[in-house]
Amino acid sequence: MELPANVQNQIIQLQQLQQQLQIIVLQKQQVEAQIKEIKKALEEMEKSPVDYVYKMTGAILVKRNKEEVEKELKELLETLELRLQTLEKQEKKMQERLNELQQTLQKIIQEHPNVS
């Protein structure tokens, strides 16, 4: 028996949501890795007694004032933490929507066993 159009649409929507959720999870992992990397860099810079650091710019290292680089990294860290919060909210909303859609589809399948 062929699936009704509304069920087919819900299945397609479910698959699209799953793909979008995967993308958000990957983005979240990348942001978390960047945050960890920046925190580690700031930690190492605090240990360093010198007033300068070398920063990678393109394919070369450039000698820079330590305080300027610290300020840049802290600003970037703040931006990434806000991005992470946004991604976490998106992930939560999408997961809730996904669960709702799965429950709706399960209910339809249970009510109409011939639809599968």
N, C-alpha and C. Protein backbone atom coordinates (compact mmCIF):
# COMPACT_ATOMS: atom_id res chain seq x y z
N MET A 1 0.84 -1.19 0.00
CA MET A 1 0.00 0.00 0.00
C MET A 1 0.89 1.25 0.00
N GLU A 2 0.54 2.21 -0.81
CA GLU A 2 1.33 3.43 -0.92
C GLU A 2 1.02 4.37 0.25
N LEU A 3 2.06 5.07 0.68
CA LEU A 3 1.90 6.02 1.78
C LEU A 3 1.09 7.23 1.34
N PRO A 4 0.21 7.72 2.22
CA PRO A 4 -0.52 8.95 1.89
C PRO A 4 0.46 10.12 1.75
N ALA A 5 0.07 11.11 0.98
CA ALA A 5 0.95 12.25 0.68
C ALA A 5 1.41 12.97 1.95
N ASN A 6 0.49 13.14 2.92
CA ASN A 6 0.89 13.85 4.14
C ASN A 6 1.95 13.07 4.93
N VAL A 7 1.86 11.76 4.91
CA VAL A 7 2.86 10.93 5.60
C VAL A 7 4.20 11.01 4.87
N GLN A 8 4.15 10.95 3.55
CA GLN A 8 5.38 11.08 2.76
C GLN A 8 6.05 12.43 3.03
N ASN A 9 5.25 13.49 3.10
CA ASN A 9 5.79 14.82 3.38
C ASN A 9 6.42 14.89 4.76
N GLN A 10 5.78 14.25 5.73
CA GLN A 10 6.33 14.25 7.08
C GLN A 10 7.64 13.46 7.15
N ILE A 11 7.72 12.38 6.40
CA ILE A 11 8.95 11.59 6.36
C ILE A 11 10.07 12.41 5.73
N ILE A 12 9.76 13.10 4.66
CA ILE A 12 10.76 13.97 4.01
C ILE A 12 11.20 15.06 4.97
N GLN A 13 10.24 15.66 5.67
CA GLN A 13 10.56 16.71 6.63
C GLN A 13 11.45 16.16 7.76
N LEU A 14 11.14 14.95 8.20
CA LEU A 14 11.94 14.30 9.24
C LEU A 14 13.38 14.10 8.78
N GLN A 15 13.55 13.63 7.55
CA GLN A 15 14.89 13.43 7.01
C GLN A 15 15.65 14.75 6.88
N GLN A 16 14.95 15.79 6.45
CA GLN A 16 15.60 17.10 6.33
C GLN A 16 16.02 17.63 7.69
N LEU A 17 15.16 17.46 8.68
CA LEU A 17 15.50 17.89 10.04
C LEU A 17 16.71 17.14 10.57
N GLN A 18 16.77 15.84 10.29
CA GLN A 18 17.92 15.04 10.73
C GLN A 18 19.21 15.55 10.10
N GLN A 19 19.16 15.89 8.83
CA GLN A 19 20.34 16.43 8.14
C GLN A 19 20.74 17.78 8.72
N GLN A 20 19.75 18.64 8.96
CA GLN A 20 20.04 19.96 9.53
C GLN A 20 20.63 19.82 10.94
N LEU A 21 20.09 18.88 11.69
CA LEU A 21 20.60 18.65 13.04
C LEU A 21 22.05 18.18 13.00
N GLN A 22 22.37 17.30 12.06
CA GLN A 22 23.76 16.84 11.90
C GLN A 22 24.69 18.01 11.60
N ILE A 23 24.25 18.92 10.75
CA ILE A 23 25.06 20.08 10.39
C ILE A 23 25.30 20.95 11.62
N ILE A 24 24.25 21.18 12.40
CA ILE A 24 24.38 22.00 13.60
C ILE A 24 25.32 21.34 14.61
N VAL A 25 25.20 20.03 14.77
CA VAL A 25 26.08 19.31 15.70
C VAL A 25 27.54 19.43 15.25
N LEU A 26 27.79 19.31 13.96
CA LEU A 26 29.16 19.46 13.44
C LEU A 26 29.68 20.88 13.67
N GLN A 27 28.85 21.87 13.40
CA GLN A 27 29.25 23.26 13.63
C GLN A 27 29.56 23.49 15.11
N LYS A 28 28.73 22.93 15.96
CA LYS A 28 28.92 23.06 17.41
C LYS A 28 30.25 22.44 17.83
N GLN A 29 30.56 21.28 17.29
CA GLN A 29 31.83 20.61 17.61
C GLN A 29 33.01 21.45 17.15
N GLN A 30 32.90 22.06 15.98
CA GLN A 30 33.98 22.91 15.47
C GLN A 30 34.18 24.13 16.36
N VAL A 31 33.09 24.75 16.77
CA VAL A 31 33.18 25.93 17.65
C VAL A 31 33.77 25.53 18.99
N GLU A 32 33.35 24.40 19.54
CA GLU A 32 33.89 23.92 20.81
C GLU A 32 35.40 23.68 20.70
N ALA A 33 35.84 23.13 19.59
CA ALA A 33 37.27 22.88 19.38
C ALA A 33 38.03 24.21 19.30
N GLN A 34 37.45 25.20 18.62
CA GLN A 34 38.10 26.51 18.52
C GLN A 34 38.19 27.17 19.89
N ILE A 35 37.13 27.06 20.68
CA ILE A 35 37.12 27.64 22.03
C ILE A 35 38.22 27.00 22.88
N LYS A 36 38.31 25.69 22.80
CA LYS A 36 39.33 24.96 23.56
C LYS A 36 40.73 25.41 23.14
N GLU A 37 40.93 25.56 21.85
CA GLU A 37 42.23 25.98 21.31
C GLU A 37 42.60 27.39 21.79
N ILE A 38 41.64 28.29 21.76
CA ILE A 38 41.89 29.67 22.19
C ILE A 38 42.19 29.72 23.69
N LYS A 39 41.42 28.98 24.47
CA LYS A 39 41.67 28.95 25.92
C LYS A 39 43.07 28.43 26.22
N LYS A 40 43.48 27.41 25.49
CA LYS A 40 44.83 26.85 25.67
C LYS A 40 45.88 27.89 25.29
N ALA A 41 45.67 28.62 24.20
CA ALA A 41 46.62 29.65 23.77
C ALA A 41 46.72 30.75 24.82
N LEU A 42 45.57 31.19 25.35
CA LEU A 42 45.58 32.23 26.38
C LEU A 42 46.30 31.76 27.64
N GLU A 43 46.08 30.52 27.99
CA GLU A 43 46.73 29.92 29.16
C GLU A 43 48.25 29.92 28.98
N GLU A 44 48.71 29.52 27.80
CA GLU A 44 50.14 29.48 27.52
C GLU A 44 50.74 30.89 27.50
N MET A 45 49.98 31.85 26.98
CA MET A 45 50.46 33.22 26.92
C MET A 45 50.63 33.81 28.32
N GLU A 46 49.74 33.44 29.24
CA GLU A 46 49.84 33.92 30.62
C GLU A 46 51.12 33.42 31.28
N LYS A 47 51.54 32.23 30.93
CA LYS A 47 52.76 31.64 31.51
C LYS A 47 54.02 32.30 30.97
N SER A 48 53.93 32.88 29.80
CA SER A 48 55.11 33.42 29.13
C SER A 48 55.52 34.76 29.74
N PRO A 49 56.81 34.90 30.09
CA PRO A 49 57.29 36.15 30.69
C PRO A 49 57.57 37.26 29.67
N VAL A 50 57.63 36.94 28.40
CA VAL A 50 57.99 37.93 27.38
C VAL A 50 56.78 38.78 26.98
N ASP A 51 57.04 39.95 26.40
CA ASP A 51 55.98 40.89 26.02
C ASP A 51 55.52 40.73 24.57
N TYR A 52 56.00 39.70 23.91
CA TYR A 52 55.62 39.50 22.51
C TYR A 52 55.33 38.02 22.27
N VAL A 53 54.58 37.78 21.21
CA VAL A 53 54.29 36.41 20.78
C VAL A 53 54.36 36.38 19.26
N TYR A 54 54.41 35.19 18.73
CA TYR A 54 54.38 35.03 17.28
C TYR A 54 52.99 34.53 16.89
N LYS A 55 52.40 35.25 15.95
CA LYS A 55 51.05 34.90 15.50
C LYS A 55 51.12 34.47 14.04
N MET A 56 50.42 33.38 13.75
CA MET A 56 50.37 32.87 12.38
C MET A 56 49.48 33.77 11.54
N THR A 57 50.05 34.31 10.48
CA THR A 57 49.30 35.14 9.54
C THR A 57 49.54 34.56 8.16
N GLY A 58 48.53 33.89 7.65
CA GLY A 58 48.72 33.19 6.37
C GLY A 58 49.71 32.06 6.57
N ALA A 59 50.78 32.09 5.79
CA ALA A 59 51.79 31.02 5.87
C ALA A 59 53.03 31.46 6.65
N ILE A 60 52.97 32.64 7.30
CA ILE A 60 54.15 33.12 8.03
C ILE A 60 53.81 33.45 9.48
N LEU A 61 54.84 33.48 10.31
CA LEU A 61 54.70 33.90 11.70
C LEU A 61 55.11 35.36 11.81
N VAL A 62 54.30 36.13 12.52
CA VAL A 62 54.58 37.56 12.68
C VAL A 62 54.72 37.85 14.17
N LYS A 63 55.77 38.59 14.53
CA LYS A 63 55.99 38.97 15.92
C LYS A 63 54.98 40.06 16.28
N ARG A 64 54.22 39.84 17.38
CA ARG A 64 53.17 40.78 17.77
C ARG A 64 53.24 41.06 19.26
N ASN A 65 52.68 42.20 19.64
CA ASN A 65 52.57 42.57 21.05
C ASN A 65 51.65 41.57 21.75
N LYS A 66 52.10 41.04 22.86
CA LYS A 66 51.37 40.00 23.58
C LYS A 66 49.98 40.50 24.02
N GLU A 67 49.90 41.71 24.54
CA GLU A 67 48.62 42.24 25.02
C GLU A 67 47.60 42.39 23.89
N GLU A 68 48.06 42.82 22.73
CA GLU A 68 47.15 42.97 21.58
C GLU A 68 46.58 41.61 21.16
N VAL A 69 47.45 40.62 21.12
CA VAL A 69 47.01 39.28 20.72
C VAL A 69 46.06 38.71 21.76
N GLU A 70 46.37 38.93 23.04
CA GLU A 70 45.47 38.47 24.11
C GLU A 70 44.09 39.10 23.96
N LYS A 71 44.06 40.40 23.68
CA LYS A 71 42.79 41.11 23.51
C LYS A 71 42.02 40.53 22.33
N GLU A 72 42.70 40.30 21.21
CA GLU A 72 42.06 39.72 20.03
C GLU A 72 41.49 38.33 20.33
N LEU A 73 42.28 37.52 21.04
CA LEU A 73 41.84 36.17 21.36
C LEU A 73 40.64 36.18 22.31
N LYS A 74 40.65 37.09 23.28
CA LYS A 74 39.53 37.17 24.22
C LYS A 74 38.25 37.63 23.51
N GLU A 75 38.39 38.55 22.57
CA GLU A 75 37.22 38.99 21.79
C GLU A 75 36.69 37.84 20.93
N LEU A 76 37.61 37.11 20.31
CA LEU A 76 37.21 35.97 19.50
C LEU A 76 36.55 34.90 20.36
N LEU A 77 37.09 34.68 21.54
CA LEU A 77 36.53 33.70 22.47
C LEU A 77 35.10 34.08 22.85
N GLU A 78 34.89 35.35 23.13
CA GLU A 78 33.55 35.83 23.47
C GLU A 78 32.57 35.61 22.32
N THR A 79 33.01 35.92 21.11
CA THR A 79 32.18 35.73 19.92
C THR A 79 31.83 34.25 19.74
N LEU A 80 32.84 33.39 19.90
CA LEU A 80 32.62 31.95 19.72
C LEU A 80 31.69 31.39 20.80
N GLU A 81 31.81 31.90 22.02
CA GLU A 81 30.94 31.42 23.10
C GLU A 81 29.48 31.81 22.82
N LEU A 82 29.27 33.00 22.27
CA LEU A 82 27.92 33.41 21.88
C LEU A 82 27.40 32.53 20.75
N ARG A 83 28.26 32.24 19.80
CA ARG A 83 27.89 31.36 18.67
C ARG A 83 27.52 29.97 19.19
N LEU A 84 28.28 29.49 20.17
CA LEU A 84 28.01 28.18 20.76
C LEU A 84 26.64 28.17 21.43
N GLN A 85 26.32 29.22 22.16
CA GLN A 85 25.00 29.31 22.81
C GLN A 85 23.88 29.27 21.76
N THR A 86 24.07 30.00 20.68
CA THR A 86 23.08 30.02 19.60
C THR A 86 22.90 28.62 19.00
N LEU A 87 24.02 27.96 18.73
CA LEU A 87 23.96 26.61 18.16
C LEU A 87 23.28 25.63 19.12
N GLU A 88 23.55 25.77 20.41
CA GLU A 88 22.92 24.89 21.40
C GLU A 88 21.41 25.09 21.42
N LYS A 89 20.97 26.35 21.33
CA LYS A 89 19.52 26.63 21.29
C LYS A 89 18.90 26.05 20.03
N GLN A 90 19.58 26.23 18.89
CA GLN A 90 19.07 25.67 17.63
C GLN A 90 18.99 24.15 17.71
N GLU A 91 20.02 23.55 18.27
CA GLU A 91 20.05 22.09 18.39
C GLU A 91 18.88 21.61 19.25
N LYS A 92 18.64 22.29 20.36
CA LYS A 92 17.56 21.90 21.27
C LYS A 92 16.20 22.01 20.57
N LYS A 93 15.95 23.14 19.90
CA LYS A 93 14.67 23.34 19.20
C LYS A 93 14.48 22.30 18.10
N MET A 94 15.55 22.05 17.36
CA MET A 94 15.46 21.10 16.26
C MET A 94 15.23 19.68 16.79
N GLN A 95 15.88 19.34 17.90
CA GLN A 95 15.71 18.02 18.50
C GLN A 95 14.26 17.85 18.98
N GLU A 96 13.71 18.91 19.57
CA GLU A 96 12.32 18.86 20.02
C GLU A 96 11.38 18.66 18.83
N ARG A 97 11.61 19.40 17.76
CA ARG A 97 10.77 19.28 16.56
C ARG A 97 10.89 17.88 15.96
N LEU A 98 12.10 17.36 15.95
CA LEU A 98 12.36 16.01 15.43
C LEU A 98 11.60 14.97 16.26
N ASN A 99 11.65 15.11 17.57
CA ASN A 99 10.93 14.17 18.45
C ASN A 99 9.43 14.24 18.22
N GLU A 100 8.90 15.46 18.07
CA GLU A 100 7.46 15.63 17.80
C GLU A 100 7.07 14.93 16.50
N LEU A 101 7.87 15.14 15.49
CA LEU A 101 7.58 14.55 14.18
C LEU A 101 7.67 13.02 14.23
N GLN A 102 8.66 12.50 14.94
CA GLN A 102 8.79 11.04 15.08
C GLN A 102 7.57 10.46 15.80
N GLN A 103 7.13 11.15 16.85
CA GLN A 103 5.95 10.67 17.59
C GLN A 103 4.70 10.69 16.72
N THR A 104 4.55 11.75 15.93
CA THR A 104 3.41 11.85 15.02
C THR A 104 3.41 10.70 14.02
N LEU A 105 4.57 10.44 13.44
CA LEU A 105 4.68 9.34 12.47
C LEU A 105 4.43 7.99 13.12
N GLN A 106 4.94 7.78 14.32
CA GLN A 106 4.71 6.51 15.02
C GLN A 106 3.22 6.31 15.30
N LYS A 107 2.56 7.40 15.69
CA LYS A 107 1.13 7.33 15.96
C LYS A 107 0.36 6.94 14.70
N ILE A 108 0.71 7.55 13.58
CA ILE A 108 0.05 7.23 12.30
C ILE A 108 0.27 5.76 11.95
N ILE A 109 1.49 5.29 12.12
CA ILE A 109 1.82 3.89 11.79
C ILE A 109 1.06 2.93 12.69
N GLN A 110 0.95 3.27 13.98
CA GLN A 110 0.23 2.40 14.92
C GLN A 110 -1.27 2.37 14.62
N GLU A 111 -1.80 3.53 14.21
CA GLU A 111 -3.24 3.60 13.91
C GLU A 111 -3.58 2.95 12.57
N HIS A 112 -2.61 2.94 11.66
CA HIS A 112 -2.82 2.36 10.33
C HIS A 112 -1.68 1.37 10.03
N PRO A 113 -1.76 0.17 10.57
CA PRO A 113 -0.67 -0.81 10.39
C PRO A 113 -0.35 -1.13 8.93
N ASN A 114 -1.29 -0.93 8.03
CA ASN A 114 -1.05 -1.23 6.61
C ASN A 114 -0.23 -0.14 5.93
N VAL A 115 -0.01 0.98 6.64
CA VAL A 115 0.77 2.09 6.07
C VAL A 115 2.21 1.93 6.53
N SER A 116 3.05 1.42 5.65
CA SER A 116 4.47 1.28 5.99
C SER A 116 5.29 1.05 4.75
